[in-house]
Amino acid sequence: MVKRDKKQPLYMISVVSEMLGVHPQTLRMYEREGFITPRRMKRLRLYSEDDVERLHLILNLTRELGVNKAGVDIILRMRHRLEALHNELEEMMNTLDEHMRHDFERRIKRLFAEEE
């Protein structure tokens, strides 16, 4: 199974605005606010699946939960930091697993060396 690149720009602004039920100007406003950064090809904005998911979150925060733009900014920054910490923890766990694996291999080699 081929894994899709969720960062690959796919959708034009008109498609995204229709998908999410918002005016294209709303998407431009979120870009000006720094909430999203669609890729540009000449004058054309192209949105990735990650962008669409982020926009969906923003719309949920503003529409469903009544969060204002400042609150959205804080929540997005906190999510970004949380994801970075999660990735760092995952990397540390992989390093720990690697260290434990090397320790196990060293102990096995020592056991076999003692038997000889």
C-alpha atoms as a PDB file:
ATOM      1  CA  MET A   1       0.000   0.000   0.000  1.00  0.00           C
ATOM      2  CA  VAL A   2       1.363   3.406  -0.993  1.00  0.00           C
ATOM      3  CA  LYS A   3       1.313   6.030   1.740  1.00  0.00           C
ATOM      4  CA  ARG A   4      -0.020   9.398   0.602  1.00  0.00           C
ATOM      5  CA  ASP A   5       1.898  12.566   1.291  1.00  0.00           C
ATOM      6  CA  LYS A   6      -0.539  14.726   3.244  1.00  0.00           C
ATOM      7  CA  LYS A   7       1.662  17.766   2.620  1.00  0.00           C
ATOM      8  CA  GLN A   8       1.379  17.477  -1.163  1.00  0.00           C
ATOM      9  CA  PRO A   9      -0.502  20.523  -2.502  1.00  0.00           C
ATOM     10  CA  LEU A  10      -3.599  19.294  -4.327  1.00  0.00           C
ATOM     11  CA  TYR A  11      -6.577  21.616  -4.031  1.00  0.00           C
ATOM     12  CA  MET A  12      -7.248  25.089  -5.393  1.00  0.00           C
ATOM     13  CA  ILE A  13      -8.890  27.657  -3.138  1.00  0.00           C
ATOM     14  CA  SER A  14     -12.274  27.282  -4.861  1.00  0.00           C
ATOM     15  CA  VAL A  15     -12.297  23.542  -4.183  1.00  0.00           C
ATOM     16  CA  VAL A  16     -11.293  23.956  -0.540  1.00  0.00           C
ATOM     17  CA  SER A  17     -13.852  26.686   0.061  1.00  0.00           C
ATOM     18  CA  GLU A  18     -16.555  24.431  -1.370  1.00  0.00           C
ATOM     19  CA  MET A  19     -15.335  21.415   0.626  1.00  0.00           C
ATOM     20  CA  LEU A  20     -15.502  23.381   3.874  1.00  0.00           C
ATOM     21  CA  GLY A  21     -18.492  25.553   3.070  1.00  0.00           C
ATOM     22  CA  VAL A  22     -16.695  28.876   3.480  1.00  0.00           C
ATOM     23  CA  HIS A  23     -16.058  31.843   1.229  1.00  0.00           C
ATOM     24  CA  PRO A  24     -12.597  31.941  -0.393  1.00  0.00           C
ATOM     25  CA  GLN A  25     -12.047  35.274   1.378  1.00  0.00           C
ATOM     26  CA  THR A  26     -12.257  33.432   4.698  1.00  0.00           C
ATOM     27  CA  LEU A  27      -9.402  31.173   3.597  1.00  0.00           C
ATOM     28  CA  ARG A  28      -7.379  34.197   2.519  1.00  0.00           C
ATOM     29  CA  MET A  29      -8.021  35.790   5.924  1.00  0.00           C
ATOM     30  CA  TYR A  30      -6.778  32.657   7.726  1.00  0.00           C
ATOM     31  CA  GLU A  31      -3.667  32.800   5.559  1.00  0.00           C
ATOM     32  CA  ARG A  32      -3.106  36.490   6.466  1.00  0.00           C
ATOM     33  CA  GLU A  33      -3.541  35.576  10.143  1.00  0.00           C
ATOM     34  CA  GLY A  34      -0.795  32.962   9.718  1.00  0.00           C
ATOM     35  CA  PHE A  35      -3.061  30.021  10.571  1.00  0.00           C
ATOM     36  CA  ILE A  36      -2.303  28.260   7.277  1.00  0.00           C
ATOM     37  CA  THR A  37       0.318  28.573   4.575  1.00  0.00           C
ATOM     38  CA  PRO A  38      -0.877  27.093   1.304  1.00  0.00           C
ATOM     39  CA  ARG A  39       1.744  26.494  -1.318  1.00  0.00           C
ATOM     40  CA  ARG A  40       1.937  29.002  -4.151  1.00  0.00           C
ATOM     41  CA  MET A  41       2.407  28.239  -7.803  1.00  0.00           C
ATOM     42  CA  LYS A  42       2.617  31.599  -9.509  1.00  0.00           C
ATOM     43  CA  ARG A  43      -0.546  33.307  -8.220  1.00  0.00           C
ATOM     44  CA  LEU A  44      -2.400  30.084  -7.501  1.00  0.00           C
ATOM     45  CA  ARG A  45      -2.875  28.879  -3.910  1.00  0.00           C
ATOM     46  CA  LEU A  46      -2.695  25.112  -3.533  1.00  0.00           C
ATOM     47  CA  TYR A  47      -3.847  23.430  -0.342  1.00  0.00           C
ATOM     48  CA  SER A  48      -2.688  20.059   0.951  1.00  0.00           C
ATOM     49  CA  GLU A  49      -4.714  17.549   2.943  1.00  0.00           C
ATOM     50  CA  ASP A  50      -2.880  18.788   6.041  1.00  0.00           C
ATOM     51  CA  ASP A  51      -4.035  22.330   5.218  1.00  0.00           C
ATOM     52  CA  VAL A  52      -7.631  21.169   4.807  1.00  0.00           C
ATOM     53  CA  GLU A  53      -7.503  19.273   8.139  1.00  0.00           C
ATOM     54  CA  ARG A  54      -6.078  22.352   9.849  1.00  0.00           C
ATOM     55  CA  LEU A  55      -8.774  24.544   8.311  1.00  0.00           C
ATOM     56  CA  HIS A  56     -11.418  22.091   9.474  1.00  0.00           C
ATOM     57  CA  LEU A  57     -10.020  22.374  13.017  1.00  0.00           C
ATOM     58  CA  ILE A  58     -10.006  26.182  12.812  1.00  0.00           C
ATOM     59  CA  LEU A  59     -13.592  26.238  11.607  1.00  0.00           C
ATOM     60  CA  ASN A  60     -14.622  23.843  14.358  1.00  0.00           C
ATOM     61  CA  LEU A  61     -12.950  26.030  16.975  1.00  0.00           C
ATOM     62  CA  THR A  62     -14.577  29.207  15.700  1.00  0.00           C
ATOM     63  CA  ARG A  63     -18.010  27.907  14.721  1.00  0.00           C
ATOM     64  CA  GLU A  64     -18.706  25.168  17.230  1.00  0.00           C
ATOM     65  CA  LEU A  65     -16.733  26.361  20.234  1.00  0.00           C
ATOM     66  CA  GLY A  66     -16.873  30.136  19.727  1.00  0.00           C
ATOM     67  CA  VAL A  67     -13.104  30.606  19.962  1.00  0.00           C
ATOM     68  CA  ASN A  68     -11.861  33.975  18.677  1.00  0.00           C
ATOM     69  CA  LYS A  69      -8.812  34.445  16.404  1.00  0.00           C
ATOM     70  CA  ALA A  70      -6.443  35.027  19.336  1.00  0.00           C
ATOM     71  CA  GLY A  71      -7.669  31.817  20.947  1.00  0.00           C
ATOM     72  CA  VAL A  72      -7.262  29.905  17.688  1.00  0.00           C
ATOM     73  CA  ASP A  73      -3.701  31.195  17.430  1.00  0.00           C
ATOM     74  CA  ILE A  74      -2.892  30.024  20.972  1.00  0.00           C
ATOM     75  CA  ILE A  75      -4.494  26.606  20.409  1.00  0.00           C
ATOM     76  CA  LEU A  76      -2.654  26.088  17.113  1.00  0.00           C
ATOM     77  CA  ARG A  77       0.664  27.040  18.711  1.00  0.00           C
ATOM     78  CA  MET A  78       0.019  24.682  21.629  1.00  0.00           C
ATOM     79  CA  ARG A  79      -0.894  21.850  19.228  1.00  0.00           C
ATOM     80  CA  HIS A  80       2.288  22.466  17.246  1.00  0.00           C
ATOM     81  CA  ARG A  81       4.387  22.386  20.420  1.00  0.00           C
ATOM     82  CA  LEU A  82       2.599  19.252  21.634  1.00  0.00           C
ATOM     83  CA  GLU A  83       3.271  17.505  18.304  1.00  0.00           C
ATOM     84  CA  ALA A  84       6.947  18.525  18.497  1.00  0.00           C
ATOM     85  CA  LEU A  85       7.203  17.151  22.044  1.00  0.00           C
ATOM     86  CA  HIS A  86       5.450  13.953  20.969  1.00  0.00           C
ATOM     87  CA  ASN A  87       7.915  13.489  18.095  1.00  0.00           C
ATOM     88  CA  GLU A  88      10.844  14.182  20.421  1.00  0.00           C
ATOM     89  CA  LEU A  89       9.540  11.632  22.941  1.00  0.00           C
ATOM     90  CA  GLU A  90       9.055   9.071  20.177  1.00  0.00           C
ATOM     91  CA  GLU A  91      12.627   9.641  19.009  1.00  0.00           C
ATOM     92  CA  MET A  92      13.896   9.242  22.570  1.00  0.00           C
ATOM     93  CA  MET A  93      11.941   5.992  22.965  1.00  0.00           C
ATOM     94  CA  ASN A  94      13.420   4.656  19.722  1.00  0.00           C
ATOM     95  CA  THR A  95      16.894   5.568  20.973  1.00  0.00           C
ATOM     96  CA  LEU A  96      16.172   3.869  24.273  1.00  0.00           C
ATOM     97  CA  ASP A  97      14.908   0.778  22.489  1.00  0.00           C
ATOM     98  CA  GLU A  98      18.055   0.772  20.359  1.00  0.00           C
ATOM     99  CA  HIS A  99      20.230   1.115  23.464  1.00  0.00           C
ATOM    100  CA  MET A 100      18.384  -1.718  25.199  1.00  0.00           C
ATOM    101  CA  ARG A 101      18.755  -3.868  22.091  1.00  0.00           C
ATOM    102  CA  HIS A 102      22.521  -3.263  22.008  1.00  0.00           C
ATOM    103  CA  ASP A 103      22.762  -4.028  25.729  1.00  0.00           C
ATOM    104  CA  PHE A 104      20.857  -7.293  25.188  1.00  0.00           C
ATOM    105  CA  GLU A 105      23.117  -8.279  22.275  1.00  0.00           C
ATOM    106  CA  ARG A 106      26.209  -7.499  24.353  1.00  0.00           C
ATOM    107  CA  ARG A 107      24.938  -9.700  27.216  1.00  0.00           C
ATOM    108  CA  ILE A 108      24.161 -12.578  24.824  1.00  0.00           C
ATOM    109  CA  LYS A 109      27.646 -12.372  23.298  1.00  0.00           C
ATOM    110  CA  ARG A 110      29.188 -12.354  26.770  1.00  0.00           C
ATOM    111  CA  LEU A 111      27.157 -15.442  27.763  1.00  0.00           C
ATOM    112  CA  PHE A 112      28.281 -17.339  24.680  1.00  0.00           C
ATOM    113  CA  ALA A 113      31.886 -16.239  25.228  1.00  0.00           C
ATOM    114  CA  GLU A 114      31.788 -17.628  28.795  1.00  0.00           C
ATOM    115  CA  GLU A 115      30.603 -21.026  27.546  1.00  0.00           C
ATOM    116  CA  GLU A 116      33.573 -21.445  25.242  1.00  0.00           C
END
